[in-house]
Amino acid sequence: MSKIEPPLLSHVYPALVSFLDAALVGEGEPRLAQALVRLRFHGWCRCRPTCRYLRTAPTTRAANGWIHLDDEDAPRVWLQLDQDHASFAGMDICEFDLGPAPALDPDRPVDVW
């Protein structure tokens, strides 16, 4: 039996991936922007009901490096680098409107935009 892969993040939240792509290219990080097309949606952190951390890799892939994408003075999304610093293990959604929860994400926390 083959293992079913999680859906691509771009299929679950296309507006988020589009925003991240443009923001990373604008920040001079085109290599990291290119990694977005391969990100998978691994669900939400379950540390507390209102946690806004979205996982894009198994938790064992997370590194300590972060990139924050701000709007004026407020952070919109914090991206956690993976161990290779070539992609992302997850992201904290601070101020980004994800729109309605899609069918591919039935367990999205209520407080996430």
PDB file of N, CA and C in Angstrom:
ATOM      1  N   MET A   1       0.845  -1.180   0.000  1.00  0.00           N
ATOM      2  CA  MET A   1       0.000   0.000   0.000  1.00  0.00           C
ATOM      3  C   MET A   1       0.893   1.247   0.000  1.00  0.00           C
ATOM      4  N   SER A   2       0.636   2.190  -0.900  1.00  0.00           N
ATOM      5  CA  SER A   2       1.440   3.401  -0.967  1.00  0.00           C
ATOM      6  C   SER A   2       0.900   4.447   0.004  1.00  0.00           C
ATOM      7  N   LYS A   3       1.820   5.256   0.484  1.00  0.00           N
ATOM      8  CA  LYS A   3       1.473   6.312   1.431  1.00  0.00           C
ATOM      9  C   LYS A   3       0.875   7.501   0.675  1.00  0.00           C
ATOM     10  N   ILE A   4      -0.233   8.021   1.179  1.00  0.00           N
ATOM     11  CA  ILE A   4      -0.869   9.189   0.573  1.00  0.00           C
ATOM     12  C   ILE A   4      -0.153  10.440   1.066  1.00  0.00           C
ATOM     13  N   GLU A   5       0.301  11.259   0.130  1.00  0.00           N
ATOM     14  CA  GLU A   5       0.991  12.495   0.484  1.00  0.00           C
ATOM     15  C   GLU A   5      -0.026  13.567   0.849  1.00  0.00           C
ATOM     16  N   PRO A   6       0.344  14.451   1.778  1.00  0.00           N
ATOM     17  CA  PRO A   6      -0.537  15.586   2.071  1.00  0.00           C
ATOM     18  C   PRO A   6      -0.699  16.449   0.816  1.00  0.00           C
ATOM     19  N   PRO A   7      -1.797  17.203   0.724  1.00  0.00           N
ATOM     20  CA  PRO A   7      -2.005  18.050  -0.457  1.00  0.00           C
ATOM     21  C   PRO A   7      -0.965  19.169  -0.526  1.00  0.00           C
ATOM     22  N   LEU A   8      -0.745  19.659  -1.716  1.00  0.00           N
ATOM     23  CA  LEU A   8       0.137  20.810  -1.885  1.00  0.00           C
ATOM     24  C   LEU A   8      -0.489  22.026  -1.212  1.00  0.00           C
ATOM     25  N   LEU A   9       0.342  22.822  -0.569  1.00  0.00           N
ATOM     26  CA  LEU A   9      -0.150  24.032   0.088  1.00  0.00           C
ATOM     27  C   LEU A   9      -0.823  24.952  -0.934  1.00  0.00           C
ATOM     28  N   SER A  10      -0.307  24.983  -2.146  1.00  0.00           N
ATOM     29  CA  SER A  10      -0.895  25.839  -3.186  1.00  0.00           C
ATOM     30  C   SER A  10      -2.297  25.390  -3.581  1.00  0.00           C
ATOM     31  N   HIS A  11      -2.638  24.137  -3.336  1.00  0.00           N
ATOM     32  CA  HIS A  11      -4.000  23.660  -3.615  1.00  0.00           C
ATOM     33  C   HIS A  11      -4.944  24.001  -2.458  1.00  0.00           C
ATOM     34  N   VAL A  12      -4.403  24.082  -1.257  1.00  0.00           N
ATOM     35  CA  VAL A  12      -5.220  24.381  -0.078  1.00  0.00           C
ATOM     36  C   VAL A  12      -5.387  25.890   0.092  1.00  0.00           C
ATOM     37  N   TYR A  13      -4.300  26.631   0.000  1.00  0.00           N
ATOM     38  CA  TYR A  13      -4.316  28.079   0.201  1.00  0.00           C
ATOM     39  C   TYR A  13      -3.556  28.791  -0.925  1.00  0.00           C
ATOM     40  N   PRO A  14      -4.128  28.844  -2.127  1.00  0.00           N
ATOM     41  CA  PRO A  14      -3.421  29.466  -3.253  1.00  0.00           C
ATOM     42  C   PRO A  14      -3.093  30.947  -3.048  1.00  0.00           C
ATOM     43  N   ALA A  15      -3.971  31.705  -2.397  1.00  0.00           N
ATOM     44  CA  ALA A  15      -3.696  33.130  -2.175  1.00  0.00           C
ATOM     45  C   ALA A  15      -2.500  33.315  -1.248  1.00  0.00           C
ATOM     46  N   LEU A  16      -2.356  32.457  -0.256  1.00  0.00           N
ATOM     47  CA  LEU A  16      -1.211  32.527   0.651  1.00  0.00           C
ATOM     48  C   LEU A  16       0.077  32.252  -0.105  1.00  0.00           C
ATOM     49  N   VAL A  17       0.096  31.218  -0.918  1.00  0.00           N
ATOM     50  CA  VAL A  17       1.303  30.873  -1.674  1.00  0.00           C
ATOM     51  C   VAL A  17       1.651  31.992  -2.650  1.00  0.00           C
ATOM     52  N   SER A  18       0.662  32.580  -3.284  1.00  0.00           N
ATOM     53  CA  SER A  18       0.899  33.696  -4.197  1.00  0.00           C
ATOM     54  C   SER A  18       1.509  34.890  -3.457  1.00  0.00           C
ATOM     55  N   PHE A  19       0.948  35.220  -2.293  1.00  0.00           N
ATOM     56  CA  PHE A  19       1.484  36.310  -1.473  1.00  0.00           C
ATOM     57  C   PHE A  19       2.927  36.019  -1.065  1.00  0.00           C
ATOM     58  N   LEU A  20       3.191  34.797  -0.586  1.00  0.00           N
ATOM     59  CA  LEU A  20       4.539  34.440  -0.139  1.00  0.00           C
ATOM     60  C   LEU A  20       5.534  34.497  -1.292  1.00  0.00           C
ATOM     61  N   ASP A  21       5.121  34.038  -2.457  1.00  0.00           N
ATOM     62  CA  ASP A  21       6.000  34.071  -3.621  1.00  0.00           C
ATOM     63  C   ASP A  21       6.414  35.508  -3.933  1.00  0.00           C
ATOM     64  N   ALA A  22       5.443  36.396  -4.050  1.00  0.00           N
ATOM     65  CA  ALA A  22       5.743  37.793  -4.365  1.00  0.00           C
ATOM     66  C   ALA A  22       6.582  38.444  -3.265  1.00  0.00           C
ATOM     67  N   ALA A  23       6.260  38.171  -2.014  1.00  0.00           N
ATOM     68  CA  ALA A  23       6.992  38.782  -0.900  1.00  0.00           C
ATOM     69  C   ALA A  23       8.436  38.283  -0.842  1.00  0.00           C
ATOM     70  N   LEU A  24       8.642  36.992  -1.048  1.00  0.00           N
ATOM     71  CA  LEU A  24      10.006  36.450  -1.001  1.00  0.00           C
ATOM     72  C   LEU A  24      10.854  36.963  -2.161  1.00  0.00           C
ATOM     73  N   VAL A  25      10.277  37.032  -3.345  1.00  0.00           N
ATOM     74  CA  VAL A  25      11.009  37.596  -4.478  1.00  0.00           C
ATOM     75  C   VAL A  25      11.342  39.059  -4.192  1.00  0.00           C
ATOM     76  N   GLY A  26      10.386  39.798  -3.633  1.00  0.00           N
ATOM     77  CA  GLY A  26      10.607  41.198  -3.272  1.00  0.00           C
ATOM     78  C   GLY A  26      11.677  41.382  -2.209  1.00  0.00           C
ATOM     79  N   GLU A  27      11.851  40.383  -1.362  1.00  0.00           N
ATOM     80  CA  GLU A  27      12.871  40.425  -0.310  1.00  0.00           C
ATOM     81  C   GLU A  27      14.227  39.904  -0.802  1.00  0.00           C
ATOM     82  N   GLY A  28      14.313  39.565  -2.090  1.00  0.00           N
ATOM     83  CA  GLY A  28      15.571  39.066  -2.631  1.00  0.00           C
ATOM     84  C   GLY A  28      15.820  37.591  -2.336  1.00  0.00           C
ATOM     85  N   GLU A  29      14.753  36.832  -2.157  1.00  0.00           N
ATOM     86  CA  GLU A  29      14.863  35.397  -1.845  1.00  0.00           C
ATOM     87  C   GLU A  29      14.169  34.542  -2.924  1.00  0.00           C
ATOM     88  N   PRO A  30      14.584  34.672  -4.195  1.00  0.00           N
ATOM     89  CA  PRO A  30      13.913  33.906  -5.252  1.00  0.00           C
ATOM     90  C   PRO A  30      14.072  32.393  -5.093  1.00  0.00           C
ATOM     91  N   ARG A  31      15.181  31.942  -4.525  1.00  0.00           N
ATOM     92  CA  ARG A  31      15.395  30.500  -4.324  1.00  0.00           C
ATOM     93  C   ARG A  31      14.366  29.938  -3.351  1.00  0.00           C
ATOM     94  N   LEU A  32      14.105  30.673  -2.284  1.00  0.00           N
ATOM     95  CA  LEU A  32      13.095  30.227  -1.327  1.00  0.00           C
ATOM     96  C   LEU A  32      11.695  30.335  -1.927  1.00  0.00           C
ATOM     97  N   ALA A  33      11.466  31.340  -2.755  1.00  0.00           N
ATOM     98  CA  ALA A  33      10.166  31.469  -3.424  1.00  0.00           C
ATOM     99  C   ALA A  33       9.910  30.259  -4.320  1.00  0.00           C
ATOM    100  N   GLN A  34      10.932  29.788  -4.986  1.00  0.00           N
ATOM    101  CA  GLN A  34      10.785  28.613  -5.853  1.00  0.00           C
ATOM    102  C   GLN A  34      10.429  27.359  -5.061  1.00  0.00           C
ATOM    103  N   ALA A  35      10.828  27.299  -3.806  1.00  0.00           N
ATOM    104  CA  ALA A  35      10.530  26.129  -2.964  1.00  0.00           C
ATOM    105  C   ALA A  35       9.045  26.042  -2.609  1.00  0.00           C
ATOM    106  N   LEU A  36       8.311  27.132  -2.739  1.00  0.00           N
ATOM    107  CA  LEU A  36       6.897  27.155  -2.353  1.00  0.00           C
ATOM    108  C   LEU A  36       6.056  26.151  -3.139  1.00  0.00           C
ATOM    109  N   VAL A  37       6.394  25.908  -4.385  1.00  0.00           N
ATOM    110  CA  VAL A  37       5.577  25.013  -5.218  1.00  0.00           C
ATOM    111  C   VAL A  37       5.608  23.566  -4.717  1.00  0.00           C
ATOM    112  N   ARG A  38       6.629  23.225  -3.925  1.00  0.00           N
ATOM    113  CA  ARG A  38       6.756  21.857  -3.414  1.00  0.00           C
ATOM    114  C   ARG A  38       6.218  21.684  -1.996  1.00  0.00           C
ATOM    115  N   LEU A  39       5.821  22.776  -1.348  1.00  0.00           N
ATOM    116  CA  LEU A  39       5.352  22.677   0.034  1.00  0.00           C
ATOM    117  C   LEU A  39       4.050  21.898   0.120  1.00  0.00           C
ATOM    118  N   ARG A  40       3.976  21.053   1.120  1.00  0.00           N
ATOM    119  CA  ARG A  40       2.774  20.260   1.382  1.00  0.00           C
ATOM    120  C   ARG A  40       2.083  20.809   2.631  1.00  0.00           C
ATOM    121  N   PHE A  41       0.786  20.653   2.681  1.00  0.00           N
ATOM    122  CA  PHE A  41       0.003  21.083   3.844  1.00  0.00           C
ATOM    123  C   PHE A  41      -0.079  19.915   4.824  1.00  0.00           C
ATOM    124  N   HIS A  42       0.662  20.022   5.926  1.00  0.00           N
ATOM    125  CA  HIS A  42       0.706  18.970   6.951  1.00  0.00           C
ATOM    126  C   HIS A  42      -0.224  19.263   8.124  1.00  0.00           C
ATOM    127  N   GLY A  43      -1.058  20.264   7.994  1.00  0.00           N
ATOM    128  CA  GLY A  43      -2.007  20.582   9.049  1.00  0.00           C
ATOM    129  C   GLY A  43      -1.525  21.677   9.977  1.00  0.00           C
ATOM    130  N   TRP A  44      -2.283  21.868  11.030  1.00  0.00           N
ATOM    131  CA  TRP A  44      -2.018  22.931  11.998  1.00  0.00           C
ATOM    132  C   TRP A  44      -1.410  22.363  13.256  1.00  0.00           C
ATOM    133  N   CYS A  45      -0.597  23.175  13.902  1.00  0.00           N
ATOM    134  CA  CYS A  45      -0.049  22.813  15.206  1.00  0.00           C
ATOM    135  C   CYS A  45      -1.220  22.620  16.171  1.00  0.00           C
ATOM    136  N   ARG A  46      -1.067  21.720  17.093  1.00  0.00           N
ATOM    137  CA  ARG A  46      -2.137  21.428  18.061  1.00  0.00           C
ATOM    138  C   ARG A  46      -1.722  21.781  19.493  1.00  0.00           C
ATOM    139  N   CYS A  47      -0.740  22.682  19.637  1.00  0.00           N
ATOM    140  CA  CYS A  47      -0.274  23.018  20.990  1.00  0.00           C
ATOM    141  C   CYS A  47      -1.364  23.695  21.820  1.00  0.00           C
ATOM    142  N   ARG A  48      -2.241  24.442  21.165  1.00  0.00           N
ATOM    143  CA  ARG A  48      -3.391  25.064  21.811  1.00  0.00           C
ATOM    144  C   ARG A  48      -4.443  25.310  20.730  1.00  0.00           C
ATOM    145  N   PRO A  49      -5.695  25.449  21.088  1.00  0.00           N
ATOM    146  CA  PRO A  49      -6.768  25.566  20.086  1.00  0.00           C
ATOM    147  C   PRO A  49      -6.630  26.769  19.149  1.00  0.00           C
ATOM    148  N   THR A  50      -5.974  27.816  19.590  1.00  0.00           N
ATOM    149  CA  THR A  50      -5.877  29.022  18.766  1.00  0.00           C
ATOM    150  C   THR A  50      -4.506  29.188  18.107  1.00  0.00           C
ATOM    151  N   CYS A  51      -3.655  28.174  18.149  1.00  0.00           N
ATOM    152  CA  CYS A  51      -2.333  28.288  17.533  1.00  0.00           C
ATOM    153  C   CYS A  51      -2.478  28.497  16.041  1.00  0.00           C
ATOM    154  N   ARG A  52      -1.699  29.413  15.501  1.00  0.00           N
ATOM    155  CA  ARG A  52      -1.781  29.779  14.086  1.00  0.00           C
ATOM    156  C   ARG A  52      -0.580  29.271  13.293  1.00  0.00           C
ATOM    157  N   TYR A  53       0.080  28.241  13.809  1.00  0.00           N
ATOM    158  CA  TYR A  53       1.248  27.681  13.123  1.00  0.00           C
ATOM    159  C   TYR A  53       0.800  26.587  12.165  1.00  0.00           C
ATOM    160  N   LEU A  54       1.055  26.806  10.892  1.00  0.00           N
ATOM    161  CA  LEU A  54       0.684  25.876   9.829  1.00  0.00           C
ATOM    162  C   LEU A  54       1.939  25.072   9.457  1.00  0.00           C
ATOM    163  N   ARG A  55       1.837  23.749   9.491  1.00  0.00           N
ATOM    164  CA  ARG A  55       2.988  22.889   9.205  1.00  0.00           C
ATOM    165  C   ARG A  55       3.053  22.552   7.712  1.00  0.00           C
ATOM    166  N   THR A  56       4.247  22.683   7.142  1.00  0.00           N
ATOM    167  CA  THR A  56       4.465  22.352   5.731  1.00  0.00           C
ATOM    168  C   THR A  56       5.499  21.241   5.565  1.00  0.00           C
ATOM    169  N   ALA A  57       5.870  20.631   6.663  1.00  0.00           N
ATOM    170  CA  ALA A  57       6.810  19.506   6.665  1.00  0.00           C
ATOM    171  C   ALA A  57       6.647  18.796   8.011  1.00  0.00           C
ATOM    172  N   PRO A  58       7.163  17.583   8.115  1.00  0.00           N
ATOM    173  CA  PRO A  58       7.146  16.927   9.426  1.00  0.00           C
ATOM    174  C   PRO A  58       7.885  17.790  10.457  1.00  0.00           C
ATOM    175  N   THR A  59       7.450  17.742  11.689  1.00  0.00           N
ATOM    176  CA  THR A  59       8.036  18.597  12.737  1.00  0.00           C
ATOM    177  C   THR A  59       9.535  18.368  12.909  1.00  0.00           C
ATOM    178  N   THR A  60      10.021  17.209  12.578  1.00  0.00           N
ATOM    179  CA  THR A  60      11.460  16.923  12.716  1.00  0.00           C
ATOM    180  C   THR A  60      12.306  17.703  11.719  1.00  0.00           C
ATOM    181  N   ARG A  61      11.700  18.305  10.696  1.00  0.00           N
ATOM    182  CA  ARG A  61      12.435  19.072   9.674  1.00  0.00           C
ATOM    183  C   ARG A  61      12.644  20.528  10.072  1.00  0.00           C
ATOM    184  N   ALA A  62      12.023  20.998  11.140  1.00  0.00           N
ATOM    185  CA  ALA A  62      12.086  22.414  11.511  1.00  0.00           C
ATOM    186  C   ALA A  62      13.460  22.807  12.042  1.00  0.00           C
ATOM    187  N   ALA A  63      13.913  23.979  11.628  1.00  0.00           N
ATOM    188  CA  ALA A  63      15.158  24.567  12.116  1.00  0.00           C
ATOM    189  C   ALA A  63      14.813  25.789  12.974  1.00  0.00           C
ATOM    190  N   ASN A  64      15.829  26.445  13.490  1.00  0.00           N
ATOM    191  CA  ASN A  64      15.609  27.615  14.338  1.00  0.00           C
ATOM    192  C   ASN A  64      15.526  28.922  13.569  1.00  0.00           C
ATOM    193  N   GLY A  65      15.786  28.906  12.268  1.00  0.00           N
ATOM    194  CA  GLY A  65      15.772  30.125  11.469  1.00  0.00           C
ATOM    195  C   GLY A  65      14.370  30.521  11.029  1.00  0.00           C
ATOM    196  N   TRP A  66      14.103  31.813  11.072  1.00  0.00           N
ATOM    197  CA  TRP A  66      12.799  32.350  10.692  1.00  0.00           C
ATOM    198  C   TRP A  66      12.981  33.531   9.748  1.00  0.00           C
ATOM    199  N   ILE A  67      12.027  33.705   8.850  1.00  0.00           N
ATOM    200  CA  ILE A  67      11.937  34.891   7.998  1.00  0.00           C
ATOM    201  C   ILE A  67      10.570  35.499   8.264  1.00  0.00           C
ATOM    202  N   HIS A  68      10.538  36.789   8.567  1.00  0.00           N
ATOM    203  CA  HIS A  68       9.229  37.412   8.788  1.00  0.00           C
ATOM    204  C   HIS A  68       8.917  38.360   7.644  1.00  0.00           C
ATOM    205  N   LEU A  69       7.680  38.284   7.208  1.00  0.00           N
ATOM    206  CA  LEU A  69       7.184  39.151   6.141  1.00  0.00           C
ATOM    207  C   LEU A  69       6.190  40.109   6.775  1.00  0.00           C
ATOM    208  N   ASP A  70       6.544  41.392   6.731  1.00  0.00           N
ATOM    209  CA  ASP A  70       5.767  42.403   7.429  1.00  0.00           C
ATOM    210  C   ASP A  70       4.961  43.261   6.475  1.00  0.00           C
ATOM    211  N   ASP A  71       3.920  43.866   7.016  1.00  0.00           N
ATOM    212  CA  ASP A  71       3.110  44.844   6.320  1.00  0.00           C
ATOM    213  C   ASP A  71       3.149  46.092   7.177  1.00  0.00           C
ATOM    214  N   GLU A  72       3.898  47.094   6.710  1.00  0.00           N
ATOM    215  CA  GLU A  72       4.118  48.297   7.507  1.00  0.00           C
ATOM    216  C   GLU A  72       4.878  47.898   8.774  1.00  0.00           C
ATOM    217  N   ASP A  73       4.244  48.014   9.937  1.00  0.00           N
ATOM    218  CA  ASP A  73       4.906  47.685  11.197  1.00  0.00           C
ATOM    219  C   ASP A  73       4.442  46.364  11.792  1.00  0.00           C
ATOM    220  N   ALA A  74       3.453  45.733  11.186  1.00  0.00           N
ATOM    221  CA  ALA A  74       2.893  44.508  11.761  1.00  0.00           C
ATOM    222  C   ALA A  74       3.336  43.281  10.963  1.00  0.00           C
ATOM    223  N   PRO A  75       3.759  42.231  11.657  1.00  0.00           N
ATOM    224  CA  PRO A  75       4.116  41.000  10.930  1.00  0.00           C
ATOM    225  C   PRO A  75       2.872  40.344  10.346  1.00  0.00           C
ATOM    226  N   ARG A  76       2.989  39.847   9.115  1.00  0.00           N
ATOM    227  CA  ARG A  76       1.872  39.143   8.477  1.00  0.00           C
ATOM    228  C   ARG A  76       2.073  37.639   8.577  1.00  0.00           C
ATOM    229  N   VAL A  77       3.262  37.175   8.203  1.00  0.00           N
ATOM    230  CA  VAL A  77       3.566  35.749   8.224  1.00  0.00           C
ATOM    231  C   VAL A  77       5.018  35.572   8.649  1.00  0.00           C
ATOM    232  N   TRP A  78       5.248  34.638   9.564  1.00  0.00           N
ATOM    233  CA  TRP A  78       6.596  34.227   9.950  1.00  0.00           C
ATOM    234  C   TRP A  78       6.837  32.854   9.346  1.00  0.00           C
ATOM    235  N   LEU A  79       7.890  32.722   8.562  1.00  0.00           N
ATOM    236  CA  LEU A  79       8.222  31.461   7.904  1.00  0.00           C
ATOM    237  C   LEU A  79       9.370  30.777   8.643  1.00  0.00           C
ATOM    238  N   GLN A  80       9.171  29.538   9.044  1.00  0.00           N
ATOM    239  CA  GLN A  80      10.221  28.786   9.723  1.00  0.00           C
ATOM    240  C   GLN A  80      10.973  27.952   8.696  1.00  0.00           C
ATOM    241  N   LEU A  81      12.277  28.176   8.611  1.00  0.00           N
ATOM    242  CA  LEU A  81      13.104  27.441   7.666  1.00  0.00           C
ATOM    243  C   LEU A  81      13.211  25.974   8.045  1.00  0.00           C
ATOM    244  N   ASP A  82      13.451  25.144   7.043  1.00  0.00           N
ATOM    245  CA  ASP A  82      13.700  23.727   7.330  1.00  0.00           C
ATOM    246  C   ASP A  82      15.183  23.564   7.669  1.00  0.00           C
ATOM    247  N   GLN A  83      15.592  22.364   7.994  1.00  0.00           N
ATOM    248  CA  GLN A  83      16.966  22.113   8.435  1.00  0.00           C
ATOM    249  C   GLN A  83      18.010  22.448   7.374  1.00  0.00           C
ATOM    250  N   ASP A  84      17.643  22.331   6.104  1.00  0.00           N
ATOM    251  CA  ASP A  84      18.580  22.637   5.025  1.00  0.00           C
ATOM    252  C   ASP A  84      18.593  24.117   4.650  1.00  0.00           C
ATOM    253  N   HIS A  85      17.699  24.875   5.218  1.00  0.00           N
ATOM    254  CA  HIS A  85      17.513  26.293   4.893  1.00  0.00           C
ATOM    255  C   HIS A  85      17.233  26.499   3.407  1.00  0.00           C
ATOM    256  N   ALA A  86      16.622  25.494   2.772  1.00  0.00           N
ATOM    257  CA  ALA A  86      16.288  25.567   1.356  1.00  0.00           C
ATOM    258  C   ALA A  86      14.780  25.605   1.131  1.00  0.00           C
ATOM    259  N   SER A  87      14.020  25.467   2.211  1.00  0.00           N
ATOM    260  CA  SER A  87      12.563  25.453   2.142  1.00  0.00           C
ATOM    261  C   SER A  87      12.028  25.805   3.525  1.00  0.00           C
ATOM    262  N   PHE A  88      10.742  25.532   3.737  1.00  0.00           N
ATOM    263  CA  PHE A  88      10.101  25.894   4.995  1.00  0.00           C
ATOM    264  C   PHE A  88       9.473  24.676   5.656  1.00  0.00           C
ATOM    265  N   ALA A  89       9.577  24.631   6.972  1.00  0.00           N
ATOM    266  CA  ALA A  89       8.949  23.557   7.748  1.00  0.00           C
ATOM    267  C   ALA A  89       7.559  23.960   8.211  1.00  0.00           C
ATOM    268  N   GLY A  90       7.310  25.271   8.239  1.00  0.00           N
ATOM    269  CA  GLY A  90       6.014  25.760   8.669  1.00  0.00           C
ATOM    270  C   GLY A  90       5.977  27.271   8.676  1.00  0.00           C
ATOM    271  N   MET A  91       4.842  27.797   9.113  1.00  0.00           N
ATOM    272  CA  MET A  91       4.690  29.242   9.149  1.00  0.00           C
ATOM    273  C   MET A  91       3.653  29.638  10.187  1.00  0.00           C
ATOM    274  N   ASP A  92       3.897  30.771  10.811  1.00  0.00           N
ATOM    275  CA  ASP A  92       2.959  31.342  11.772  1.00  0.00           C
ATOM    276  C   ASP A  92       2.173  32.420  11.028  1.00  0.00           C
ATOM    277  N   ILE A  93       0.878  32.226  10.931  1.00  0.00           N
ATOM    278  CA  ILE A  93       0.012  33.164  10.212  1.00  0.00           C
ATOM    279  C   ILE A  93      -0.428  34.245  11.200  1.00  0.00           C
ATOM    280  N   CYS A  94       0.190  35.418  11.116  1.00  0.00           N
ATOM    281  CA  CYS A  94      -0.105  36.494  12.061  1.00  0.00           C
ATOM    282  C   CYS A  94      -1.266  37.357  11.584  1.00  0.00           C
ATOM    283  N   GLU A  95      -1.145  37.930  10.418  1.00  0.00           N
ATOM    284  CA  GLU A  95      -2.153  38.849   9.875  1.00  0.00           C
ATOM    285  C   GLU A  95      -2.317  38.594   8.387  1.00  0.00           C
ATOM    286  N   PHE A  96      -2.892  37.485   8.028  1.00  0.00           N
ATOM    287  CA  PHE A  96      -3.152  37.196   6.623  1.00  0.00           C
ATOM    288  C   PHE A  96      -4.516  36.542   6.515  1.00  0.00           C
ATOM    289  N   ASP A  97      -5.351  37.068   5.644  1.00  0.00           N
ATOM    290  CA  ASP A  97      -6.696  36.533   5.470  1.00  0.00           C
ATOM    291  C   ASP A  97      -6.640  35.307   4.568  1.00  0.00           C
ATOM    292  N   LEU A  98      -6.807  34.135   5.145  1.00  0.00           N
ATOM    293  CA  LEU A  98      -6.781  32.890   4.395  1.00  0.00           C
ATOM    294  C   LEU A  98      -8.094  32.633   3.659  1.00  0.00           C
ATOM    295  N   GLY A  99      -9.110  33.413   3.952  1.00  0.00           N
ATOM    296  CA  GLY A  99     -10.416  33.184   3.347  1.00  0.00           C
ATOM    297  C   GLY A  99     -11.125  32.037   4.052  1.00  0.00           C
ATOM    298  N   PRO A 100     -12.216  31.561   3.480  1.00  0.00           N
ATOM    299  CA  PRO A 100     -12.950  30.450   4.103  1.00  0.00           C
ATOM    300  C   PRO A 100     -12.094  29.185   4.134  1.00  0.00           C
ATOM    301  N   ALA A 101     -12.305  28.383   5.152  1.00  0.00           N
ATOM    302  CA  ALA A 101     -11.563  27.115   5.247  1.00  0.00           C
ATOM    303  C   ALA A 101     -11.987  26.194   4.110  1.00  0.00           C
ATOM    304  N   PRO A 102     -11.028  25.762   3.288  1.00  0.00           N
ATOM    305  CA  PRO A 102     -11.374  24.875   2.188  1.00  0.00           C
ATOM    306  C   PRO A 102     -11.626  23.446   2.667  1.00  0.00           C
ATOM    307  N   ALA A 103     -12.196  22.649   1.789  1.00  0.00           N
ATOM    308  CA  ALA A 103     -12.472  21.249   2.125  1.00  0.00           C
ATOM    309  C   ALA A 103     -11.201  20.486   2.477  1.00  0.00           C
ATOM    310  N   LEU A 104     -10.055  20.914   1.924  1.00  0.00           N
ATOM    311  CA  LEU A 104      -8.789  20.239   2.214  1.00  0.00           C
ATOM    312  C   LEU A 104      -8.253  20.582   3.602  1.00  0.00           C
ATOM    313  N   ASP A 105      -8.911  21.497   4.304  1.00  0.00           N
ATOM    314  CA  ASP A 105      -8.478  21.899   5.642  1.00  0.00           C
ATOM    315  C   ASP A 105      -9.672  21.984   6.593  1.00  0.00           C
ATOM    316  N   PRO A 106     -10.273  20.856   6.912  1.00  0.00           N
ATOM    317  CA  PRO A 106     -11.449  20.887   7.793  1.00  0.00           C
ATOM    318  C   PRO A 106     -11.120  21.179   9.254  1.00  0.00           C
ATOM    319  N   ASP A 107      -9.850  21.112   9.644  1.00  0.00           N
ATOM    320  CA  ASP A 107      -9.479  21.278  11.052  1.00  0.00           C
ATOM    321  C   ASP A 107      -8.819  22.623  11.356  1.00  0.00           C
ATOM    322  N   ARG A 108      -8.999  23.609  10.486  1.00  0.00           N
ATOM    323  CA  ARG A 108      -8.369  24.914  10.702  1.00  0.00           C
ATOM    324  C   ARG A 108      -8.878  25.535  11.989  1.00  0.00           C
ATOM    325  N   PRO A 109      -7.956  26.103  12.797  1.00  0.00           N
ATOM    326  CA  PRO A 109      -8.390  26.775  14.034  1.00  0.00           C
ATOM    327  C   PRO A 109      -9.352  27.920  13.731  1.00  0.00           C
ATOM    328  N   VAL A 110     -10.272  28.136  14.609  1.00  0.00           N
ATOM    329  CA  VAL A 110     -11.327  29.138  14.407  1.00  0.00           C
ATOM    330  C   VAL A 110     -10.758  30.532  14.320  1.00  0.00           C
ATOM    331  N   ASP A 111      -9.733  30.843  15.101  1.00  0.00           N
ATOM    332  CA  ASP A 111      -9.194  32.192  15.158  1.00  0.00           C
ATOM    333  C   ASP A 111      -8.291  32.572  13.992  1.00  0.00           C
ATOM    334  N   VAL A 112      -7.994  31.681  13.078  1.00  0.00           N
ATOM    335  CA  VAL A 112      -7.083  31.997  11.982  1.00  0.00           C
ATOM    336  C   VAL A 112      -7.850  32.722  10.904  1.00  0.00           C
ATOM    337  N   TRP A 113      -7.278  33.830  10.439  1.00  0.00           N
ATOM    338  CA  TRP A 113      -7.941  34.659   9.426  1.00  0.00           C
ATOM    339  C   TRP A 113      -8.091  33.882   8.161  1.00  0.00           C
TER     340      TRP A 113
END
